[in-house]
Amino acid sequence: MMETIHVPEWVLPLDDLAKALGLSSIEVLKEFRDSRLTGRLAEVWGTRLFGYKKHANSNFPGSDASIMIGPIGHYRISVRSFYKRLQFQQSKFMGKGRKCTQENLLESLEKVEVVVAVDLREFPRLLFYPLNSKWLLRLAREGSLSPSGMTAARFDKWIADSFEVHVVPANTDAT
């Protein structure tokens, strides 16, 4: 029996967004599908969808946000946006001139309990996949996940093969 994953779906009002930003709808589609722009926004959107708190310091070591679960303590969360490729290591290991080893990837995943993968491919439709870091650690330890991450197509296949997916309307009052 496959595990069930509930994936919030949030559709932003494209025309309103374009008008507010002084851009055309085409320009908004192009720019917002770039995870360098939407990555920071996705962290904020996730606070509304999942109720976690974004760290005040954007350079917080190891995670982007957390939620307090009573006496259990802090539940650390990483947020990653993607269009063509999804990577799971800490931001300090991504980008031009930065290196990431398999050990760095494992260390990054061990520092969080969940990775929220935000699918930008159909923007303004956003899908928020809450991924237990244990699932990703298993892939990394098996050699199926490396610092290069996954292509969007490979992500889709892994999700389809591994989970029963329930897409649910996002519960947010921000729209």
N, C-alpha and C. Protein backbone atom coordinates (compact mmCIF):
# COMPACT_ATOMS: atom_id res chain seq x y z
N MET A 1 0.84 -1.19 0.00
CA MET A 1 0.00 0.00 0.00
C MET A 1 0.89 1.25 0.00
N MET A 2 0.59 2.16 -0.89
CA MET A 2 1.37 3.39 -1.01
C MET A 2 0.96 4.40 0.07
N GLU A 3 1.93 5.20 0.46
CA GLU A 3 1.63 6.30 1.38
C GLU A 3 0.83 7.35 0.64
N THR A 4 0.00 8.06 1.40
CA THR A 4 -0.80 9.14 0.83
C THR A 4 -0.09 10.46 1.09
N ILE A 5 -0.09 11.31 0.09
CA ILE A 5 0.47 12.65 0.24
C ILE A 5 -0.60 13.65 -0.19
N HIS A 6 -0.86 14.62 0.68
CA HIS A 6 -1.84 15.67 0.39
C HIS A 6 -1.09 16.89 -0.13
N VAL A 7 -1.42 17.29 -1.34
CA VAL A 7 -0.71 18.36 -2.04
C VAL A 7 -1.64 19.55 -2.22
N PRO A 8 -1.42 20.61 -1.43
CA PRO A 8 -2.25 21.80 -1.62
C PRO A 8 -2.00 22.43 -2.99
N GLU A 9 -3.09 22.86 -3.60
CA GLU A 9 -3.05 23.55 -4.89
C GLU A 9 -3.55 24.97 -4.67
N TRP A 10 -2.77 25.92 -5.15
CA TRP A 10 -3.14 27.32 -5.00
C TRP A 10 -3.04 27.97 -6.38
N VAL A 11 -4.13 28.56 -6.83
CA VAL A 11 -4.13 29.24 -8.12
C VAL A 11 -4.22 30.74 -7.85
N LEU A 12 -3.16 31.43 -8.23
CA LEU A 12 -3.10 32.88 -8.02
C LEU A 12 -3.82 33.59 -9.16
N PRO A 13 -4.41 34.74 -8.88
CA PRO A 13 -5.11 35.50 -9.93
C PRO A 13 -4.12 36.21 -10.85
N LEU A 14 -3.83 35.61 -11.99
CA LEU A 14 -2.79 36.11 -12.89
C LEU A 14 -3.02 37.56 -13.32
N ASP A 15 -4.21 37.88 -13.77
CA ASP A 15 -4.46 39.24 -14.26
C ASP A 15 -4.29 40.27 -13.15
N ASP A 16 -4.76 39.95 -11.95
CA ASP A 16 -4.61 40.87 -10.82
C ASP A 16 -3.14 41.04 -10.46
N LEU A 17 -2.41 39.95 -10.47
CA LEU A 17 -0.98 39.99 -10.14
C LEU A 17 -0.23 40.84 -11.17
N ALA A 18 -0.52 40.62 -12.45
CA ALA A 18 0.13 41.39 -13.51
C ALA A 18 -0.18 42.88 -13.36
N LYS A 19 -1.42 43.19 -13.13
CA LYS A 19 -1.82 44.60 -13.00
C LYS A 19 -1.12 45.24 -11.80
N ALA A 20 -1.10 44.55 -10.67
CA ALA A 20 -0.47 45.10 -9.46
C ALA A 20 1.02 45.33 -9.65
N LEU A 21 1.67 44.50 -10.45
CA LEU A 21 3.11 44.62 -10.67
C LEU A 21 3.48 45.48 -11.88
N GLY A 22 2.47 45.92 -12.62
CA GLY A 22 2.74 46.73 -13.81
C GLY A 22 3.40 45.92 -14.90
N LEU A 23 3.06 44.64 -15.00
CA LEU A 23 3.62 43.74 -16.01
C LEU A 23 2.49 43.15 -16.84
N SER A 24 2.85 42.59 -17.97
CA SER A 24 1.85 41.85 -18.75
C SER A 24 1.70 40.46 -18.13
N SER A 25 0.63 39.79 -18.46
CA SER A 25 0.44 38.42 -17.98
C SER A 25 1.56 37.51 -18.46
N ILE A 26 2.00 37.72 -19.68
CA ILE A 26 3.10 36.92 -20.25
C ILE A 26 4.37 37.13 -19.44
N GLU A 27 4.66 38.38 -19.09
CA GLU A 27 5.86 38.68 -18.29
C GLU A 27 5.78 38.03 -16.90
N VAL A 28 4.61 38.06 -16.29
CA VAL A 28 4.44 37.44 -14.97
C VAL A 28 4.67 35.94 -15.08
N LEU A 29 4.10 35.32 -16.10
CA LEU A 29 4.30 33.87 -16.29
C LEU A 29 5.78 33.54 -16.42
N LYS A 30 6.48 34.30 -17.23
CA LYS A 30 7.91 34.05 -17.46
C LYS A 30 8.71 34.23 -16.17
N GLU A 31 8.51 35.34 -15.49
CA GLU A 31 9.32 35.66 -14.31
C GLU A 31 9.00 34.76 -13.11
N PHE A 32 7.74 34.46 -12.89
CA PHE A 32 7.36 33.70 -11.70
C PHE A 32 7.60 32.20 -11.84
N ARG A 33 7.92 31.75 -13.02
CA ARG A 33 8.32 30.35 -13.18
C ARG A 33 9.81 30.16 -12.90
N ASP A 34 10.50 31.21 -12.59
CA ASP A 34 11.92 31.18 -12.24
C ASP A 34 12.03 31.05 -10.72
N SER A 35 12.56 29.94 -10.26
CA SER A 35 12.61 29.68 -8.82
C SER A 35 13.52 30.65 -8.07
N ARG A 36 14.41 31.34 -8.77
CA ARG A 36 15.23 32.35 -8.08
C ARG A 36 14.36 33.49 -7.57
N LEU A 37 13.28 33.79 -8.29
CA LEU A 37 12.35 34.82 -7.85
C LEU A 37 11.34 34.24 -6.86
N THR A 38 10.74 33.13 -7.22
CA THR A 38 9.62 32.62 -6.42
C THR A 38 10.05 31.83 -5.19
N GLY A 39 11.31 31.47 -5.10
CA GLY A 39 11.77 30.71 -3.94
C GLY A 39 11.46 31.40 -2.63
N ARG A 40 11.81 32.67 -2.55
CA ARG A 40 11.56 33.43 -1.31
C ARG A 40 10.06 33.61 -1.09
N LEU A 41 9.31 33.84 -2.17
CA LEU A 41 7.86 33.99 -2.04
C LEU A 41 7.22 32.68 -1.59
N ALA A 42 7.72 31.56 -2.11
CA ALA A 42 7.16 30.25 -1.74
C ALA A 42 7.29 29.98 -0.25
N GLU A 43 8.38 30.47 0.36
CA GLU A 43 8.52 30.32 1.81
C GLU A 43 7.38 31.04 2.53
N VAL A 44 7.04 32.23 2.06
CA VAL A 44 5.96 33.00 2.68
C VAL A 44 4.61 32.34 2.40
N TRP A 45 4.38 31.93 1.16
CA TRP A 45 3.12 31.26 0.83
C TRP A 45 2.91 30.03 1.70
N GLY A 46 3.98 29.31 1.95
CA GLY A 46 3.89 28.11 2.80
C GLY A 46 3.45 28.42 4.21
N THR A 47 3.78 29.61 4.72
CA THR A 47 3.32 29.96 6.07
C THR A 47 1.80 29.99 6.13
N ARG A 48 1.19 30.41 5.04
CA ARG A 48 -0.27 30.48 5.00
C ARG A 48 -0.90 29.10 4.80
N LEU A 49 -0.23 28.25 4.04
CA LEU A 49 -0.79 26.93 3.74
C LEU A 49 -0.58 25.92 4.86
N PHE A 50 0.58 25.97 5.49
CA PHE A 50 0.94 24.94 6.47
C PHE A 50 1.02 25.46 7.91
N GLY A 51 0.99 26.77 8.10
CA GLY A 51 1.02 27.33 9.44
C GLY A 51 2.39 27.36 10.10
N TYR A 52 3.45 27.12 9.34
CA TYR A 52 4.78 27.22 9.93
C TYR A 52 5.22 28.67 9.96
N LYS A 53 6.31 28.93 10.67
CA LYS A 53 6.86 30.29 10.74
C LYS A 53 8.18 30.34 10.00
N LYS A 54 8.27 31.28 9.07
CA LYS A 54 9.50 31.52 8.32
C LYS A 54 10.50 32.12 9.29
N HIS A 55 11.76 31.68 9.20
CA HIS A 55 12.80 32.25 10.06
C HIS A 55 12.98 33.73 9.73
N ALA A 56 13.17 34.54 10.74
CA ALA A 56 13.38 35.97 10.54
C ALA A 56 14.66 36.24 9.75
N ASN A 57 15.67 35.43 9.98
CA ASN A 57 16.95 35.56 9.29
C ASN A 57 16.93 34.65 8.07
N SER A 58 17.06 35.21 6.88
CA SER A 58 17.02 34.38 5.66
C SER A 58 18.24 33.48 5.54
N ASN A 59 19.26 33.70 6.35
CA ASN A 59 20.45 32.85 6.35
C ASN A 59 20.46 31.90 7.54
N PHE A 60 19.28 31.56 8.06
CA PHE A 60 19.19 30.64 9.18
C PHE A 60 19.83 29.31 8.77
N PRO A 61 20.73 28.79 9.59
CA PRO A 61 21.44 27.57 9.19
C PRO A 61 20.54 26.34 9.17
N GLY A 62 20.46 25.69 8.02
CA GLY A 62 19.81 24.39 7.93
C GLY A 62 18.39 24.34 7.47
N SER A 63 17.59 25.38 7.71
CA SER A 63 16.18 25.32 7.31
C SER A 63 15.66 26.70 6.98
N ASP A 64 14.47 26.74 6.37
CA ASP A 64 13.84 28.00 5.99
C ASP A 64 12.76 28.42 6.98
N ALA A 65 12.22 27.44 7.71
CA ALA A 65 11.10 27.70 8.59
C ALA A 65 10.99 26.59 9.63
N SER A 66 10.10 26.81 10.59
CA SER A 66 9.85 25.75 11.57
C SER A 66 8.46 25.92 12.14
N ILE A 67 8.00 24.87 12.77
CA ILE A 67 6.73 24.91 13.47
C ILE A 67 6.95 24.19 14.80
N MET A 68 6.37 24.72 15.85
CA MET A 68 6.52 24.14 17.16
C MET A 68 5.40 23.11 17.36
N ILE A 69 5.79 21.90 17.70
CA ILE A 69 4.82 20.84 17.93
C ILE A 69 4.89 20.46 19.40
N GLY A 70 4.18 21.24 20.21
CA GLY A 70 4.09 20.98 21.65
C GLY A 70 5.42 20.57 22.26
N PRO A 71 5.37 19.53 23.09
CA PRO A 71 6.59 19.10 23.79
C PRO A 71 7.61 18.41 22.87
N ILE A 72 7.23 18.11 21.64
CA ILE A 72 8.17 17.48 20.71
C ILE A 72 9.24 18.48 20.31
N GLY A 73 8.85 19.73 20.20
CA GLY A 73 9.81 20.78 19.85
C GLY A 73 9.64 21.27 18.43
N HIS A 74 10.73 21.84 17.91
CA HIS A 74 10.70 22.44 16.57
C HIS A 74 10.75 21.38 15.48
N TYR A 75 9.92 21.58 14.49
CA TYR A 75 9.85 20.75 13.30
C TYR A 75 10.41 21.63 12.20
N ARG A 76 11.61 21.31 11.70
CA ARG A 76 12.30 22.18 10.74
C ARG A 76 11.89 21.86 9.30
N ILE A 77 11.75 22.93 8.52
CA ILE A 77 11.20 22.83 7.17
C ILE A 77 12.12 23.54 6.18
N SER A 78 12.34 22.89 5.04
CA SER A 78 13.06 23.48 3.92
C SER A 78 12.06 23.68 2.80
N VAL A 79 12.16 24.79 2.09
CA VAL A 79 11.24 25.08 0.98
C VAL A 79 12.07 25.21 -0.29
N ARG A 80 11.69 24.44 -1.31
CA ARG A 80 12.40 24.47 -2.59
C ARG A 80 11.39 24.61 -3.72
N SER A 81 11.58 25.60 -4.58
CA SER A 81 10.73 25.80 -5.76
C SER A 81 11.42 25.20 -6.97
N PHE A 82 10.61 24.75 -7.93
CA PHE A 82 11.23 24.19 -9.13
C PHE A 82 10.36 24.37 -10.35
N TYR A 83 11.04 24.40 -11.48
CA TYR A 83 10.40 24.44 -12.79
C TYR A 83 10.94 23.28 -13.64
N LYS A 84 12.23 23.26 -13.88
CA LYS A 84 12.85 22.19 -14.67
C LYS A 84 13.54 21.16 -13.79
N ARG A 85 14.12 21.59 -12.70
CA ARG A 85 14.93 20.72 -11.84
C ARG A 85 14.72 21.10 -10.38
N LEU A 86 14.74 20.09 -9.54
CA LEU A 86 14.55 20.28 -8.10
C LEU A 86 15.76 19.74 -7.36
N GLN A 87 16.37 20.61 -6.55
CA GLN A 87 17.49 20.21 -5.72
C GLN A 87 17.09 20.34 -4.25
N PHE A 88 17.74 19.54 -3.39
CA PHE A 88 17.29 19.45 -2.00
C PHE A 88 18.30 19.93 -0.97
N GLN A 89 19.52 20.26 -1.38
CA GLN A 89 20.52 20.68 -0.42
C GLN A 89 20.28 22.12 0.03
N GLN A 90 20.96 22.52 1.10
CA GLN A 90 20.87 23.89 1.59
C GLN A 90 21.32 24.86 0.50
N SER A 91 20.79 26.06 0.56
CA SER A 91 21.11 27.08 -0.44
C SER A 91 22.60 27.37 -0.53
N LYS A 92 23.31 27.25 0.58
CA LYS A 92 24.75 27.54 0.55
C LYS A 92 25.51 26.56 -0.34
N PHE A 93 24.87 25.46 -0.71
CA PHE A 93 25.50 24.47 -1.59
C PHE A 93 24.98 24.54 -3.03
N MET A 94 24.19 25.57 -3.35
CA MET A 94 23.62 25.71 -4.69
C MET A 94 24.07 27.01 -5.33
N GLY A 95 24.19 27.00 -6.62
CA GLY A 95 24.51 28.21 -7.35
C GLY A 95 25.90 28.18 -7.95
N LYS A 96 26.12 29.11 -8.84
CA LYS A 96 27.39 29.19 -9.56
C LYS A 96 28.55 29.36 -8.58
N GLY A 97 29.57 28.55 -8.78
CA GLY A 97 30.76 28.63 -7.95
C GLY A 97 30.67 27.89 -6.63
N ARG A 98 29.52 27.29 -6.35
CA ARG A 98 29.34 26.56 -5.10
C ARG A 98 29.39 25.07 -5.39
N LYS A 99 29.91 24.33 -4.48
CA LYS A 99 30.03 22.88 -4.64
C LYS A 99 29.15 22.18 -3.61
N CYS A 100 28.67 21.01 -3.97
CA CYS A 100 27.89 20.19 -3.06
C CYS A 100 28.30 18.73 -3.25
N THR A 101 28.68 18.09 -2.18
CA THR A 101 29.01 16.67 -2.21
C THR A 101 27.79 15.87 -1.77
N GLN A 102 27.86 14.57 -1.95
CA GLN A 102 26.78 13.70 -1.47
C GLN A 102 26.62 13.85 0.04
N GLU A 103 27.74 14.00 0.74
CA GLU A 103 27.70 14.20 2.19
C GLU A 103 27.00 15.51 2.56
N ASN A 104 27.24 16.56 1.78
CA ASN A 104 26.56 17.84 2.01
C ASN A 104 25.04 17.69 1.81
N LEU A 105 24.66 16.91 0.80
CA LEU A 105 23.24 16.67 0.55
C LEU A 105 22.62 15.92 1.73
N LEU A 106 23.27 14.86 2.18
CA LEU A 106 22.76 14.09 3.32
C LEU A 106 22.65 14.97 4.56
N GLU A 107 23.68 15.77 4.82
CA GLU A 107 23.68 16.67 5.96
C GLU A 107 22.52 17.66 5.87
N SER A 108 22.27 18.18 4.69
CA SER A 108 21.17 19.13 4.48
C SER A 108 19.83 18.49 4.78
N LEU A 109 19.63 17.27 4.31
CA LEU A 109 18.36 16.57 4.53
C LEU A 109 18.19 16.15 5.98
N GLU A 110 19.28 15.83 6.64
CA GLU A 110 19.21 15.42 8.05
C GLU A 110 18.85 16.59 8.97
N LYS A 111 19.04 17.81 8.52
CA LYS A 111 18.76 18.99 9.34
C LYS A 111 17.29 19.40 9.33
N VAL A 112 16.49 18.76 8.47
CA VAL A 112 15.07 19.12 8.38
C VAL A 112 14.20 17.87 8.50
N GLU A 113 12.96 18.11 8.86
CA GLU A 113 11.99 17.01 8.93
C GLU A 113 11.17 16.91 7.65
N VAL A 114 11.01 18.04 6.96
CA VAL A 114 10.21 18.05 5.74
C VAL A 114 10.78 19.05 4.74
N VAL A 115 10.64 18.71 3.47
CA VAL A 115 10.97 19.62 2.38
C VAL A 115 9.67 19.90 1.64
N VAL A 116 9.30 21.17 1.54
CA VAL A 116 8.12 21.54 0.77
C VAL A 116 8.63 21.89 -0.63
N ALA A 117 8.26 21.05 -1.60
CA ALA A 117 8.65 21.26 -3.00
C ALA A 117 7.50 21.98 -3.70
N VAL A 118 7.78 23.18 -4.20
CA VAL A 118 6.75 24.01 -4.81
C VAL A 118 6.92 23.95 -6.33
N ASP A 119 5.93 23.36 -6.99
CA ASP A 119 5.95 23.16 -8.43
C ASP A 119 5.43 24.42 -9.13
N LEU A 120 6.33 25.03 -9.91
CA LEU A 120 6.01 26.28 -10.61
C LEU A 120 5.64 26.07 -12.08
N ARG A 121 5.62 24.84 -12.54
CA ARG A 121 5.51 24.59 -13.97
C ARG A 121 4.21 25.08 -14.59
N GLU A 122 3.15 25.15 -13.82
CA GLU A 122 1.87 25.61 -14.37
C GLU A 122 1.46 26.94 -13.77
N PHE A 123 2.45 27.72 -13.31
CA PHE A 123 2.14 29.01 -12.72
C PHE A 123 1.14 29.76 -13.60
N PRO A 124 0.07 30.32 -13.05
CA PRO A 124 -0.19 30.68 -11.67
C PRO A 124 -0.74 29.57 -10.79
N ARG A 125 -0.85 28.36 -11.31
CA ARG A 125 -1.23 27.21 -10.48
C ARG A 125 0.03 26.70 -9.79
N LEU A 126 -0.02 26.63 -8.46
CA LEU A 126 1.11 26.16 -7.67
C LEU A 126 0.70 24.90 -6.92
N LEU A 127 1.60 23.92 -6.91
CA LEU A 127 1.39 22.71 -6.13
C LEU A 127 2.47 22.64 -5.06
N PHE A 128 2.07 22.39 -3.82
CA PHE A 128 2.98 22.35 -2.68
C PHE A 128 3.08 20.91 -2.17
N TYR A 129 4.19 20.24 -2.46
CA TYR A 129 4.41 18.86 -2.06
C TYR A 129 5.16 18.80 -0.74
N PRO A 130 4.52 18.41 0.37
CA PRO A 130 5.25 18.26 1.63
C PRO A 130 5.92 16.88 1.66
N LEU A 131 7.25 16.87 1.57
CA LEU A 131 8.01 15.62 1.46
C LEU A 131 8.76 15.34 2.76
N ASN A 132 8.48 14.22 3.35
CA ASN A 132 9.20 13.82 4.56
C ASN A 132 10.67 13.63 4.19
N SER A 133 11.55 14.22 4.96
CA SER A 133 12.98 14.13 4.62
C SER A 133 13.48 12.69 4.67
N LYS A 134 12.82 11.81 5.41
CA LYS A 134 13.22 10.40 5.44
C LYS A 134 13.11 9.76 4.06
N TRP A 135 12.08 10.16 3.31
CA TRP A 135 11.91 9.62 1.95
C TRP A 135 13.10 10.02 1.08
N LEU A 136 13.50 11.29 1.20
CA LEU A 136 14.61 11.81 0.39
C LEU A 136 15.95 11.25 0.86
N LEU A 137 16.11 11.09 2.16
CA LEU A 137 17.34 10.49 2.70
C LEU A 137 17.51 9.06 2.19
N ARG A 138 16.41 8.34 2.13
CA ARG A 138 16.46 6.96 1.62
C ARG A 138 16.95 6.95 0.18
N LEU A 139 16.41 7.84 -0.65
CA LEU A 139 16.84 7.94 -2.05
C LEU A 139 18.33 8.29 -2.14
N ALA A 140 18.76 9.24 -1.32
CA ALA A 140 20.16 9.66 -1.35
C ALA A 140 21.09 8.53 -0.90
N ARG A 141 20.71 7.81 0.11
CA ARG A 141 21.55 6.71 0.61
C ARG A 141 21.59 5.54 -0.36
N GLU A 142 20.51 5.36 -1.12
CA GLU A 142 20.48 4.31 -2.14
C GLU A 142 21.24 4.71 -3.40
N GLY A 143 21.62 5.98 -3.48
CA GLY A 143 22.31 6.47 -4.67
C GLY A 143 21.37 6.96 -5.76
N SER A 144 20.08 7.05 -5.45
CA SER A 144 19.09 7.50 -6.43
C SER A 144 18.88 9.01 -6.42
N LEU A 145 19.47 9.69 -5.44
CA LEU A 145 19.37 11.14 -5.36
C LEU A 145 20.76 11.69 -5.08
N SER A 146 21.19 12.60 -5.93
CA SER A 146 22.52 13.21 -5.80
C SER A 146 22.35 14.72 -5.67
N PRO A 147 23.44 15.45 -5.46
CA PRO A 147 23.34 16.90 -5.40
C PRO A 147 22.76 17.54 -6.66
N SER A 148 22.80 16.87 -7.80
CA SER A 148 22.20 17.43 -9.01
C SER A 148 20.67 17.40 -8.94
N GLY A 149 20.11 16.69 -7.97
CA GLY A 149 18.67 16.68 -7.75
C GLY A 149 17.92 15.81 -8.73
N MET A 150 16.72 16.24 -9.06
CA MET A 150 15.84 15.50 -9.97
C MET A 150 15.31 16.45 -11.03
N THR A 151 15.17 15.93 -12.22
CA THR A 151 14.44 16.71 -13.22
C THR A 151 12.97 16.70 -12.81
N ALA A 152 12.22 17.63 -13.34
CA ALA A 152 10.80 17.69 -13.03
C ALA A 152 10.11 16.39 -13.46
N ALA A 153 10.50 15.84 -14.60
CA ALA A 153 9.90 14.59 -15.08
C ALA A 153 10.22 13.44 -14.13
N ARG A 154 11.44 13.38 -13.65
CA ARG A 154 11.82 12.32 -12.71
C ARG A 154 11.08 12.48 -11.38
N PHE A 155 10.91 13.72 -10.94
CA PHE A 155 10.13 13.99 -9.74
C PHE A 155 8.71 13.47 -9.90
N ASP A 156 8.08 13.78 -11.05
CA ASP A 156 6.72 13.31 -11.32
C ASP A 156 6.64 11.79 -11.25
N LYS A 157 7.62 11.11 -11.85
CA LYS A 157 7.62 9.65 -11.85
C LYS A 157 7.78 9.11 -10.44
N TRP A 158 8.71 9.68 -9.67
CA TRP A 158 8.92 9.23 -8.29
C TRP A 158 7.65 9.42 -7.47
N ILE A 159 7.01 10.57 -7.60
CA ILE A 159 5.77 10.83 -6.86
C ILE A 159 4.69 9.82 -7.27
N ALA A 160 4.50 9.63 -8.58
CA ALA A 160 3.46 8.71 -9.08
C ALA A 160 3.72 7.27 -8.65
N ASP A 161 5.00 6.86 -8.65
CA ASP A 161 5.35 5.48 -8.29
C ASP A 161 5.33 5.24 -6.78
N SER A 162 5.45 6.30 -5.99
CA SER A 162 5.65 6.14 -4.55
C SER A 162 4.46 6.52 -3.69
N PHE A 163 3.56 7.33 -4.21
CA PHE A 163 2.51 7.89 -3.36
C PHE A 163 1.15 7.87 -4.03
N GLU A 164 0.14 7.83 -3.20
CA GLU A 164 -1.21 8.11 -3.64
C GLU A 164 -1.37 9.61 -3.40
N VAL A 165 -1.51 10.37 -4.46
CA VAL A 165 -1.52 11.83 -4.36
C VAL A 165 -2.95 12.35 -4.31
N HIS A 166 -3.20 13.20 -3.33
CA HIS A 166 -4.48 13.89 -3.23
C HIS A 166 -4.20 15.39 -3.35
N VAL A 167 -4.59 15.97 -4.47
CA VAL A 167 -4.46 17.42 -4.64
C VAL A 167 -5.68 18.03 -4.00
N VAL A 168 -5.43 18.98 -3.10
CA VAL A 168 -6.52 19.61 -2.34
C VAL A 168 -6.43 21.12 -2.52
N PRO A 169 -7.58 21.80 -2.56
CA PRO A 169 -7.54 23.26 -2.67
C PRO A 169 -6.79 23.84 -1.47
N ALA A 170 -5.96 24.83 -1.73
CA ALA A 170 -5.20 25.47 -0.66
C ALA A 170 -6.16 26.18 0.28
N ASN A 171 -5.89 26.04 1.55
CA ASN A 171 -6.69 26.71 2.57
C ASN A 171 -5.95 27.98 2.97
N THR A 172 -6.22 29.04 2.24
CA THR A 172 -5.56 30.31 2.52
C THR A 172 -6.53 31.46 2.35
N ASP A 173 -6.34 32.49 3.13
CA ASP A 173 -7.20 33.66 2.99
C ASP A 173 -6.47 34.81 2.29
N ALA A 174 -5.29 34.49 1.73
CA ALA A 174 -4.47 35.53 1.11
C ALA A 174 -4.89 35.88 -0.31
N THR A 175 -5.81 35.11 -0.90
CA THR A 175 -6.19 35.41 -2.29
C THR A 175 -7.49 36.15 -2.37
